[in-house]
Every structure is written in C-alpha cells, then in structure tokens.
Amino acid sequence: LAWLAGGFSKCADGDFADVEGESKLQYATIGGASYIFL
C-alpha cells in the first residue's frame, strides 16, 4: 500500500497526466458557496 500524501488538493497541474472532468483535480473537493468563491 501507498498513500497519496496530502491528497489531490496538494497536486499541481501535470502531476497526473490524464485528468477528466470539469474542474482541476486539486479543486475537486470544493463545492457549494466555496465553489462560487473559487
């Protein structure tokens, strides 16, 4: 087993080559009013 230290929120563009979805991976945990602010 290995653990991604700090989670996806600590990643930068390019750390993972093939990302899909409407958001950047590091911002995917952000939703609700926080997402609007972002």
Full PDB file with SEQRES, HELIX, SHEET, SSBOND, CRYST1, ORIGX, SCALE, CONECT and MASTER records, all heavy atoms in Angstrom:
SEQRES   1 A   38  LEU ALA TRP LEU ALA GLY GLY PHE SER LYS CYS ALA ASP          
SEQRES   2 A   38  GLY ASP PHE ALA ASP VAL GLU GLY GLU SER LYS LEU GLN          
SEQRES   3 A   38  TYR ALA THR ILE GLY GLY ALA SER TYR ILE PHE LEU              
HELIX    1 AA1 PHE A    8  LYS A   10  5                                   3    
HELIX    2 AA2 LEU A   25  TYR A   27  5                                   3    
HELIX    3 AA3 GLY A   32  PHE A   37  1                                   6    
CRYST1    1.000    1.000    1.000  90.00  90.00  90.00 P 1           1          
ORIGX1      1.000000  0.000000  0.000000        0.00000                         
ORIGX2      0.000000  1.000000  0.000000        0.00000                         
ORIGX3      0.000000  0.000000  1.000000        0.00000                         
SCALE1      1.000000  0.000000  0.000000        0.00000                         
SCALE2      0.000000  1.000000  0.000000        0.00000                         
SCALE3      0.000000  0.000000  1.000000        0.00000                         
ATOM      1  N   LEU A   1       0.824  -1.203   0.000  1.00  0.00           N  
ATOM      2  CA  LEU A   1       0.000   0.000   0.000  1.00  0.00           C  
ATOM      3  C   LEU A   1       0.862   1.258   0.000  1.00  0.00           C  
ATOM      4  O   LEU A   1       1.933   1.307   0.609  1.00  0.00           O  
ATOM      5  CB  LEU A   1      -0.903   0.029   1.235  1.00  0.00           C  
ATOM      6  CG  LEU A   1      -1.945  -1.090   1.364  1.00  0.00           C  
ATOM      7  CD1 LEU A   1      -2.605  -1.031   2.732  1.00  0.00           C  
ATOM      8  CD2 LEU A   1      -2.993  -0.970   0.255  1.00  0.00           C  
ATOM      9  N   ALA A   2       0.361   2.259  -0.697  1.00  0.00           N  
ATOM     10  CA  ALA A   2       0.968   3.584  -0.652  1.00  0.00           C  
ATOM     11  C   ALA A   2      -0.147   4.602  -0.435  1.00  0.00           C  
ATOM     12  O   ALA A   2      -1.312   4.346  -0.752  1.00  0.00           O  
ATOM     13  CB  ALA A   2       1.724   3.879  -1.945  1.00  0.00           C  
ATOM     14  N   TRP A   3       0.205   5.744   0.102  1.00  0.00           N  
ATOM     15  CA  TRP A   3      -0.748   6.795   0.449  1.00  0.00           C  
ATOM     16  C   TRP A   3      -0.349   8.075  -0.261  1.00  0.00           C  
ATOM     17  O   TRP A   3       0.816   8.488  -0.195  1.00  0.00           O  
ATOM     18  CB  TRP A   3      -0.753   6.990   1.963  1.00  0.00           C  
ATOM     19  CG  TRP A   3      -1.473   8.195   2.469  1.00  0.00           C  
ATOM     20  CD1 TRP A   3      -2.804   8.473   2.340  1.00  0.00           C  
ATOM     21  CD2 TRP A   3      -0.914   9.307   3.182  1.00  0.00           C  
ATOM     22  NE1 TRP A   3      -3.113   9.675   2.929  1.00  0.00           N  
ATOM     23  CE2 TRP A   3      -1.964  10.203   3.456  1.00  0.00           C  
ATOM     24  CE3 TRP A   3       0.383   9.615   3.614  1.00  0.00           C  
ATOM     25  CZ2 TRP A   3      -1.760  11.399   4.148  1.00  0.00           C  
ATOM     26  CZ3 TRP A   3       0.590  10.798   4.308  1.00  0.00           C  
ATOM     27  CH2 TRP A   3      -0.477  11.674   4.564  1.00  0.00           C  
ATOM     28  N   LEU A   4      -1.313   8.708  -0.946  1.00  0.00           N  
ATOM     29  CA  LEU A   4      -1.026   9.982  -1.600  1.00  0.00           C  
ATOM     30  C   LEU A   4      -1.028  11.078  -0.542  1.00  0.00           C  
ATOM     31  O   LEU A   4      -2.079  11.494  -0.052  1.00  0.00           O  
ATOM     32  CB  LEU A   4      -2.074  10.279  -2.680  1.00  0.00           C  
ATOM     33  CG  LEU A   4      -1.771  11.500  -3.547  1.00  0.00           C  
ATOM     34  CD1 LEU A   4      -0.552  11.245  -4.433  1.00  0.00           C  
ATOM     35  CD2 LEU A   4      -2.977  11.884  -4.407  1.00  0.00           C  
ATOM     36  N   ALA A   5       0.147  11.530  -0.160  1.00  0.00           N  
ATOM     37  CA  ALA A   5       0.307  12.472   0.943  1.00  0.00           C  
ATOM     38  C   ALA A   5      -0.363  13.807   0.630  1.00  0.00           C  
ATOM     39  O   ALA A   5      -0.044  14.452  -0.370  1.00  0.00           O  
ATOM     40  CB  ALA A   5       1.788  12.683   1.234  1.00  0.00           C  
ATOM     41  N   GLY A   6      -1.283  14.201   1.493  1.00  0.00           N  
ATOM     42  CA  GLY A   6      -1.978  15.462   1.305  1.00  0.00           C  
ATOM     43  C   GLY A   6      -3.139  15.405   0.342  1.00  0.00           C  
ATOM     44  O   GLY A   6      -3.894  16.373   0.220  1.00  0.00           O  
ATOM     45  N   GLY A   7      -3.301  14.294  -0.353  1.00  0.00           N  
ATOM     46  CA  GLY A   7      -4.414  14.122  -1.265  1.00  0.00           C  
ATOM     47  C   GLY A   7      -4.282  14.922  -2.550  1.00  0.00           C  
ATOM     48  O   GLY A   7      -3.279  15.589  -2.812  1.00  0.00           O  
ATOM     49  N   PHE A   8      -5.333  14.861  -3.351  1.00  0.00           N  
ATOM     50  CA  PHE A   8      -5.335  15.550  -4.638  1.00  0.00           C  
ATOM     51  C   PHE A   8      -5.246  17.063  -4.477  1.00  0.00           C  
ATOM     52  O   PHE A   8      -4.824  17.766  -5.397  1.00  0.00           O  
ATOM     53  CB  PHE A   8      -6.600  15.200  -5.420  1.00  0.00           C  
ATOM     54  CG  PHE A   8      -6.667  13.770  -5.888  1.00  0.00           C  
ATOM     55  CD1 PHE A   8      -7.762  12.981  -5.589  1.00  0.00           C  
ATOM     56  CD2 PHE A   8      -5.637  13.217  -6.628  1.00  0.00           C  
ATOM     57  CE1 PHE A   8      -7.841  11.668  -6.028  1.00  0.00           C  
ATOM     58  CE2 PHE A   8      -5.691  11.898  -7.075  1.00  0.00           C  
ATOM     59  CZ  PHE A   8      -6.796  11.119  -6.770  1.00  0.00           C  
ATOM     60  N   SER A   9      -5.666  17.590  -3.334  1.00  0.00           N  
ATOM     61  CA  SER A   9      -5.627  19.039  -3.143  1.00  0.00           C  
ATOM     62  C   SER A   9      -4.211  19.589  -3.184  1.00  0.00           C  
ATOM     63  O   SER A   9      -4.015  20.789  -3.398  1.00  0.00           O  
ATOM     64  CB  SER A   9      -6.292  19.419  -1.815  1.00  0.00           C  
ATOM     65  OG  SER A   9      -5.549  18.916  -0.716  1.00  0.00           O  
ATOM     66  N   LYS A  10      -3.216  18.735  -2.975  1.00  0.00           N  
ATOM     67  CA  LYS A  10      -1.825  19.166  -2.983  1.00  0.00           C  
ATOM     68  C   LYS A  10      -1.150  18.987  -4.339  1.00  0.00           C  
ATOM     69  O   LYS A  10       0.025  19.306  -4.491  1.00  0.00           O  
ATOM     70  CB  LYS A  10      -1.024  18.391  -1.924  1.00  0.00           C  
ATOM     71  CG  LYS A  10      -1.503  18.598  -0.497  1.00  0.00           C  
ATOM     72  CD  LYS A  10      -1.379  20.050  -0.069  1.00  0.00           C  
ATOM     73  CE  LYS A  10      -1.775  20.221   1.389  1.00  0.00           C  
ATOM     74  NZ  LYS A  10      -1.721  21.655   1.803  1.00  0.00           N  
ATOM     75  N   CYS A  11      -1.890  18.459  -5.316  1.00  0.00           N  
ATOM     76  CA  CYS A  11      -1.256  18.217  -6.603  1.00  0.00           C  
ATOM     77  C   CYS A  11      -1.219  19.488  -7.434  1.00  0.00           C  
ATOM     78  O   CYS A  11      -1.977  20.434  -7.203  1.00  0.00           O  
ATOM     79  CB  CYS A  11      -1.943  17.080  -7.355  1.00  0.00           C  
ATOM     80  SG  CYS A  11      -3.550  17.496  -8.052  1.00  0.00           S  
ATOM     81  N   ALA A  12      -0.337  19.520  -8.401  1.00  0.00           N  
ATOM     82  CA  ALA A  12      -0.224  20.635  -9.330  1.00  0.00           C  
ATOM     83  C   ALA A  12      -0.593  20.152 -10.719  1.00  0.00           C  
ATOM     84  O   ALA A  12      -0.660  18.948 -10.981  1.00  0.00           O  
ATOM     85  CB  ALA A  12       1.206  21.190  -9.312  1.00  0.00           C  
ATOM     86  N   ASP A  13      -0.843  21.086 -11.614  1.00  0.00           N  
ATOM     87  CA  ASP A  13      -1.140  20.715 -12.986  1.00  0.00           C  
ATOM     88  C   ASP A  13      -0.009  19.850 -13.535  1.00  0.00           C  
ATOM     89  O   ASP A  13       1.172  20.196 -13.416  1.00  0.00           O  
ATOM     90  CB  ASP A  13      -1.291  21.965 -13.851  1.00  0.00           C  
ATOM     91  CG  ASP A  13      -2.505  22.800 -13.464  1.00  0.00           C  
ATOM     92  OD1 ASP A  13      -3.348  22.296 -12.704  1.00  0.00           O  
ATOM     93  OD2 ASP A  13      -2.590  23.960 -13.925  1.00  0.00           O  
ATOM     94  N   GLY A  14      -0.355  18.722 -14.120  1.00  0.00           N  
ATOM     95  CA  GLY A  14       0.667  17.858 -14.710  1.00  0.00           C  
ATOM     96  C   GLY A  14       1.144  16.732 -13.826  1.00  0.00           C  
ATOM     97  O   GLY A  14       1.830  15.829 -14.303  1.00  0.00           O  
ATOM     98  N   ASP A  15       0.800  16.757 -12.536  1.00  0.00           N  
ATOM     99  CA  ASP A  15       1.223  15.656 -11.663  1.00  0.00           C  
ATOM    100  C   ASP A  15       0.575  14.348 -12.109  1.00  0.00           C  
ATOM    101  O   ASP A  15       1.179  13.276 -11.987  1.00  0.00           O  
ATOM    102  CB  ASP A  15       0.846  15.946 -10.205  1.00  0.00           C  
ATOM    103  CG  ASP A  15       1.770  16.962  -9.550  1.00  0.00           C  
ATOM    104  OD1 ASP A  15       2.832  17.241 -10.121  1.00  0.00           O  
ATOM    105  OD2 ASP A  15       1.416  17.476  -8.479  1.00  0.00           O  
ATOM    106  N   PHE A  16      -0.663  14.437 -12.589  1.00  0.00           N  
ATOM    107  CA  PHE A  16      -1.361  13.287 -13.154  1.00  0.00           C  
ATOM    108  C   PHE A  16      -1.662  13.612 -14.621  1.00  0.00           C  
ATOM    109  O   PHE A  16      -2.291  14.632 -14.922  1.00  0.00           O  
ATOM    110  CB  PHE A  16      -2.653  12.989 -12.388  1.00  0.00           C  
ATOM    111  CG  PHE A  16      -2.424  12.533 -10.984  1.00  0.00           C  
ATOM    112  CD1 PHE A  16      -2.351  13.457  -9.946  1.00  0.00           C  
ATOM    113  CD2 PHE A  16      -2.262  11.183 -10.684  1.00  0.00           C  
ATOM    114  CE1 PHE A  16      -2.135  13.036  -8.633  1.00  0.00           C  
ATOM    115  CE2 PHE A  16      -2.037  10.766  -9.386  1.00  0.00           C  
ATOM    116  CZ  PHE A  16      -1.972  11.687  -8.361  1.00  0.00           C  
ATOM    117  N   ALA A  17      -1.215  12.741 -15.499  1.00  0.00           N  
ATOM    118  CA  ALA A  17      -1.212  13.064 -16.922  1.00  0.00           C  
ATOM    119  C   ALA A  17      -2.596  13.112 -17.547  1.00  0.00           C  
ATOM    120  O   ALA A  17      -2.838  13.902 -18.461  1.00  0.00           O  
ATOM    121  CB  ALA A  17      -0.339  12.060 -17.675  1.00  0.00           C  
ATOM    122  N   ASP A  18      -3.506  12.294 -17.103  1.00  0.00           N  
ATOM    123  CA  ASP A  18      -4.793  12.150 -17.798  1.00  0.00           C  
ATOM    124  C   ASP A  18      -5.941  12.403 -16.834  1.00  0.00           C  
ATOM    125  O   ASP A  18      -6.490  11.485 -16.233  1.00  0.00           O  
ATOM    126  CB  ASP A  18      -4.883  10.747 -18.406  1.00  0.00           C  
ATOM    127  CG  ASP A  18      -5.946  10.660 -19.487  1.00  0.00           C  
ATOM    128  OD1 ASP A  18      -6.627  11.671 -19.732  1.00  0.00           O  
ATOM    129  OD2 ASP A  18      -6.100   9.575 -20.076  1.00  0.00           O  
ATOM    130  N   VAL A  19      -6.299  13.674 -16.667  1.00  0.00           N  
ATOM    131  CA  VAL A  19      -7.372  14.073 -15.752  1.00  0.00           C  
ATOM    132  C   VAL A  19      -8.612  14.413 -16.561  1.00  0.00           C  
ATOM    133  O   VAL A  19      -8.529  15.098 -17.585  1.00  0.00           O  
ATOM    134  CB  VAL A  19      -6.948  15.290 -14.904  1.00  0.00           C  
ATOM    135  CG1 VAL A  19      -8.093  15.759 -14.015  1.00  0.00           C  
ATOM    136  CG2 VAL A  19      -5.725  14.947 -14.063  1.00  0.00           C  
ATOM    137  N   GLU A  20      -9.761  13.927 -16.112  1.00  0.00           N  
ATOM    138  CA  GLU A  20     -11.013  14.246 -16.791  1.00  0.00           C  
ATOM    139  C   GLU A  20     -11.993  14.865 -15.815  1.00  0.00           C  
ATOM    140  O   GLU A  20     -11.929  14.618 -14.610  1.00  0.00           O  
ATOM    141  CB  GLU A  20     -11.611  12.978 -17.415  1.00  0.00           C  
ATOM    142  CG  GLU A  20     -11.798  11.830 -16.454  1.00  0.00           C  
ATOM    143  CD  GLU A  20     -12.233  10.558 -17.160  1.00  0.00           C  
ATOM    144  OE1 GLU A  20     -12.483  10.603 -18.375  1.00  0.00           O  
ATOM    145  OE2 GLU A  20     -12.318   9.520 -16.478  1.00  0.00           O  
ATOM    146  N   GLY A  21     -12.916  15.672 -16.347  1.00  0.00           N  
ATOM    147  CA  GLY A  21     -13.898  16.343 -15.516  1.00  0.00           C  
ATOM    148  C   GLY A  21     -13.880  17.838 -15.730  1.00  0.00           C  
ATOM    149  O   GLY A  21     -13.017  18.385 -16.416  1.00  0.00           O  
ATOM    150  N   GLU A  22     -14.823  18.540 -15.099  1.00  0.00           N  
ATOM    151  CA  GLU A  22     -14.980  19.979 -15.321  1.00  0.00           C  
ATOM    152  C   GLU A  22     -14.045  20.831 -14.487  1.00  0.00           C  
ATOM    153  O   GLU A  22     -13.872  22.020 -14.755  1.00  0.00           O  
ATOM    154  CB  GLU A  22     -16.429  20.375 -15.005  1.00  0.00           C  
ATOM    155  CG  GLU A  22     -16.807  20.152 -13.550  1.00  0.00           C  
ATOM    156  CD  GLU A  22     -18.254  20.504 -13.241  1.00  0.00           C  
ATOM    157  OE1 GLU A  22     -19.037  20.611 -14.192  1.00  0.00           O  
ATOM    158  OE2 GLU A  22     -18.579  20.654 -12.053  1.00  0.00           O  
ATOM    159  N   SER A  23     -13.439  20.247 -13.465  1.00  0.00           N  
ATOM    160  CA  SER A  23     -12.612  21.002 -12.527  1.00  0.00           C  
ATOM    161  C   SER A  23     -11.172  20.525 -12.600  1.00  0.00           C  
ATOM    162  O   SER A  23     -10.881  19.448 -13.110  1.00  0.00           O  
ATOM    163  CB  SER A  23     -13.148  20.812 -11.097  1.00  0.00           C  
ATOM    164  OG  SER A  23     -12.251  21.316 -10.139  1.00  0.00           O  
ATOM    165  N   LYS A  24     -10.269  21.330 -12.086  1.00  0.00           N  
ATOM    166  CA  LYS A  24      -8.924  20.844 -11.847  1.00  0.00           C  
ATOM    167  C   LYS A  24      -8.972  19.848 -10.689  1.00  0.00           C  
ATOM    168  O   LYS A  24      -9.779  19.972  -9.780  1.00  0.00           O  
ATOM    169  CB  LYS A  24      -7.975  21.995 -11.497  1.00  0.00           C  
ATOM    170  CG  LYS A  24      -7.658  22.904 -12.660  1.00  0.00           C  
ATOM    171  CD  LYS A  24      -6.555  23.891 -12.282  1.00  0.00           C  
ATOM    172  CE  LYS A  24      -6.165  24.747 -13.472  1.00  0.00           C  
ATOM    173  NZ  LYS A  24      -5.016  25.638 -13.154  1.00  0.00           N  
ATOM    174  N   LEU A  25      -8.078  18.882 -10.728  1.00  0.00           N  
ATOM    175  CA  LEU A  25      -8.089  17.825  -9.724  1.00  0.00           C  
ATOM    176  C   LEU A  25      -7.917  18.389  -8.316  1.00  0.00           C  
ATOM    177  O   LEU A  25      -8.561  17.927  -7.367  1.00  0.00           O  
ATOM    178  CB  LEU A  25      -6.979  16.817 -10.039  1.00  0.00           C  
ATOM    179  CG  LEU A  25      -7.006  15.468  -9.340  1.00  0.00           C  
ATOM    180  CD1 LEU A  25      -8.313  14.737  -9.608  1.00  0.00           C  
ATOM    181  CD2 LEU A  25      -5.831  14.618  -9.796  1.00  0.00           C  
ATOM    182  N   GLN A  26      -7.082  19.402  -8.180  1.00  0.00           N  
ATOM    183  CA  GLN A  26      -6.809  19.958  -6.853  1.00  0.00           C  
ATOM    184  C   GLN A  26      -7.984  20.752  -6.284  1.00  0.00           C  
ATOM    185  O   GLN A  26      -8.016  21.064  -5.097  1.00  0.00           O  
ATOM    186  CB  GLN A  26      -5.552  20.833  -6.869  1.00  0.00           C  
ATOM    187  CG  GLN A  26      -5.538  21.947  -7.889  1.00  0.00           C  
ATOM    188  CD  GLN A  26      -4.883  21.546  -9.189  1.00  0.00           C  
ATOM    189  OE1 GLN A  26      -5.150  20.471  -9.720  1.00  0.00           O  
ATOM    190  NE2 GLN A  26      -4.013  22.415  -9.705  1.00  0.00           N  
ATOM    191  N   TYR A  27      -8.972  21.075  -7.119  1.00  0.00           N  
ATOM    192  CA  TYR A  27     -10.128  21.835  -6.661  1.00  0.00           C  
ATOM    193  C   TYR A  27     -11.398  20.991  -6.579  1.00  0.00           C  
ATOM    194  O   TYR A  27     -12.478  21.517  -6.272  1.00  0.00           O  
ATOM    195  CB  TYR A  27     -10.393  23.020  -7.596  1.00  0.00           C  
ATOM    196  CG  TYR A  27      -9.255  24.003  -7.698  1.00  0.00           C  
ATOM    197  CD1 TYR A  27      -9.002  24.672  -8.899  1.00  0.00           C  
ATOM    198  CD2 TYR A  27      -8.443  24.265  -6.612  1.00  0.00           C  
ATOM    199  CE1 TYR A  27      -7.964  25.584  -8.997  1.00  0.00           C  
ATOM    200  CE2 TYR A  27      -7.397  25.174  -6.706  1.00  0.00           C  
ATOM    201  CZ  TYR A  27      -7.156  25.830  -7.906  1.00  0.00           C  
ATOM    202  OH  TYR A  27      -6.122  26.731  -8.008  1.00  0.00           O  
ATOM    203  N   ALA A  28     -11.295  19.701  -6.825  1.00  0.00           N  
ATOM    204  CA  ALA A  28     -12.494  18.867  -6.945  1.00  0.00           C  
ATOM    205  C   ALA A  28     -13.244  18.691  -5.632  1.00  0.00           C  
ATOM    206  O   ALA A  28     -14.422  18.344  -5.645  1.00  0.00           O  
ATOM    207  CB  ALA A  28     -12.122  17.498  -7.519  1.00  0.00           C  
ATOM    208  N   THR A  29     -12.582  18.904  -4.498  1.00  0.00           N  
ATOM    209  CA  THR A  29     -13.267  18.770  -3.210  1.00  0.00           C  
ATOM    210  C   THR A  29     -14.086  20.008  -2.868  1.00  0.00           C  
ATOM    211  O   THR A  29     -14.854  20.005  -1.908  1.00  0.00           O  
ATOM    212  CB  THR A  29     -12.261  18.529  -2.066  1.00  0.00           C  
ATOM    213  OG1 THR A  29     -11.352  19.633  -2.016  1.00  0.00           O  
ATOM    214  CG2 THR A  29     -11.491  17.241  -2.278  1.00  0.00           C  
ATOM    215  N   ILE A  30     -13.936  21.075  -3.643  1.00  0.00           N  
ATOM    216  CA  ILE A  30     -14.575  22.348  -3.324  1.00  0.00           C  
ATOM    217  C   ILE A  30     -15.934  22.423  -4.017  1.00  0.00           C  
ATOM    218  O   ILE A  30     -16.038  22.247  -5.225  1.00  0.00           O  
ATOM    219  CB  ILE A  30     -13.699  23.533  -3.768  1.00  0.00           C  
ATOM    220  CG1 ILE A  30     -12.334  23.461  -3.075  1.00  0.00           C  
ATOM    221  CG2 ILE A  30     -14.386  24.854  -3.451  1.00  0.00           C  
ATOM    222  CD1 ILE A  30     -11.352  24.501  -3.555  1.00  0.00           C  
ATOM    223  N   GLY A  31     -16.976  22.693  -3.231  1.00  0.00           N  
ATOM    224  CA  GLY A  31     -18.315  22.807  -3.794  1.00  0.00           C  
ATOM    225  C   GLY A  31     -19.120  23.844  -3.049  1.00  0.00           C  
ATOM    226  O   GLY A  31     -18.596  24.577  -2.199  1.00  0.00           O  
ATOM    227  N   GLY A  32     -20.414  23.913  -3.337  1.00  0.00           N  
ATOM    228  CA  GLY A  32     -21.288  24.847  -2.655  1.00  0.00           C  
ATOM    229  C   GLY A  32     -20.853  26.292  -2.837  1.00  0.00           C  
ATOM    230  O   GLY A  32     -20.338  26.689  -3.882  1.00  0.00           O  
ATOM    231  N   ALA A  33     -21.039  27.103  -1.794  1.00  0.00           N  
ATOM    232  CA  ALA A  33     -20.657  28.511  -1.848  1.00  0.00           C  
ATOM    233  C   ALA A  33     -19.154  28.671  -2.042  1.00  0.00           C  
ATOM    234  O   ALA A  33     -18.700  29.630  -2.667  1.00  0.00           O  
ATOM    235  CB  ALA A  33     -21.106  29.224  -0.569  1.00  0.00           C  
ATOM    236  N   SER A  34     -18.382  27.721  -1.526  1.00  0.00           N  
ATOM    237  CA  SER A  34     -16.931  27.777  -1.693  1.00  0.00           C  
ATOM    238  C   SER A  34     -16.551  27.690  -3.159  1.00  0.00           C  
ATOM    239  O   SER A  34     -15.584  28.322  -3.611  1.00  0.00           O  
ATOM    240  CB  SER A  34     -16.262  26.628  -0.926  1.00  0.00           C  
ATOM    241  OG  SER A  34     -16.498  26.739   0.445  1.00  0.00           O  
ATOM    242  N   TYR A  35     -17.313  26.887  -3.933  1.00  0.00           N  
ATOM    243  CA  TYR A  35     -17.024  26.733  -5.355  1.00  0.00           C  
ATOM    244  C   TYR A  35     -17.275  28.043  -6.095  1.00  0.00           C  
ATOM    245  O   TYR A  35     -16.484  28.450  -6.964  1.00  0.00           O  
ATOM    246  CB  TYR A  35     -17.893  25.627  -5.948  1.00  0.00           C  
ATOM    247  CG  TYR A  35     -17.646  25.376  -7.412  1.00  0.00           C  
ATOM    248  CD1 TYR A  35     -16.525  24.677  -7.842  1.00  0.00           C  
ATOM    249  CD2 TYR A  35     -18.532  25.850  -8.367  1.00  0.00           C  
ATOM    250  CE1 TYR A  35     -16.282  24.455  -9.181  1.00  0.00           C  
ATOM    251  CE2 TYR A  35     -18.311  25.631  -9.719  1.00  0.00           C  
ATOM    252  CZ  TYR A  35     -17.190  24.934 -10.117  1.00  0.00           C  
ATOM    253  OH  TYR A  35     -16.952  24.722 -11.456  1.00  0.00           O  
ATOM    254  N   ILE A  36     -18.348  28.745  -5.743  1.00  0.00           N  
ATOM    255  CA  ILE A  36     -18.633  30.035  -6.367  1.00  0.00           C  
ATOM    256  C   ILE A  36     -17.517  31.022  -6.058  1.00  0.00           C  
ATOM    257  O   ILE A  36     -17.032  31.759  -6.935  1.00  0.00           O  
ATOM    258  CB  ILE A  36     -19.992  30.575  -5.876  1.00  0.00           C  
ATOM    259  CG1 ILE A  36     -21.117  29.618  -6.291  1.00  0.00           C  
ATOM    260  CG2 ILE A  36     -20.251  31.983  -6.410  1.00  0.00           C  
ATOM    261  CD1 ILE A  36     -22.469  29.961  -5.695  1.00  0.00           C  
ATOM    262  N   PHE A  37     -17.077  31.033  -4.808  1.00  0.00           N  
ATOM    263  CA  PHE A  37     -15.983  31.911  -4.400  1.00  0.00           C  
ATOM    264  C   PHE A  37     -14.710  31.573  -5.172  1.00  0.00           C  
ATOM    265  O   PHE A  37     -13.981  32.459  -5.622  1.00  0.00           O  
ATOM    266  CB  PHE A  37     -15.761  31.765  -2.897  1.00  0.00           C  
ATOM    267  CG  PHE A  37     -14.737  32.703  -2.332  1.00  0.00           C  
ATOM    268  CD1 PHE A  37     -14.885  34.081  -2.447  1.00  0.00           C  
ATOM    269  CD2 PHE A  37     -13.624  32.214  -1.671  1.00  0.00           C  
ATOM    270  CE1 PHE A  37     -13.935  34.950  -1.920  1.00  0.00           C  
ATOM    271  CE2 PHE A  37     -12.669  33.066  -1.138  1.00  0.00           C  
ATOM    272  CZ  PHE A  37     -12.832  34.438  -1.262  1.00  0.00           C  
ATOM    273  N   LEU A  38     -14.448  30.264  -5.349  1.00  0.00           N  
ATOM    274  CA  LEU A  38     -13.269  29.832  -6.108  1.00  0.00           C  
ATOM    275  C   LEU A  38     -13.342  30.339  -7.544  1.00  0.00           C  
ATOM    276  O   LEU A  38     -12.337  30.817  -8.093  1.00  0.00           O  
ATOM    277  CB  LEU A  38     -13.162  28.304  -6.086  1.00  0.00           C  
ATOM    278  CG  LEU A  38     -12.094  27.700  -7.011  1.00  0.00           C  
ATOM    279  CD1 LEU A  38     -10.703  28.130  -6.577  1.00  0.00           C  
ATOM    280  CD2 LEU A  38     -12.206  26.178  -7.014  1.00  0.00           C  
TER     281      LEU A  38                                                      
MASTER        0    0    0    3    0    0    0    6  280    1    0    3          
END                                                                             
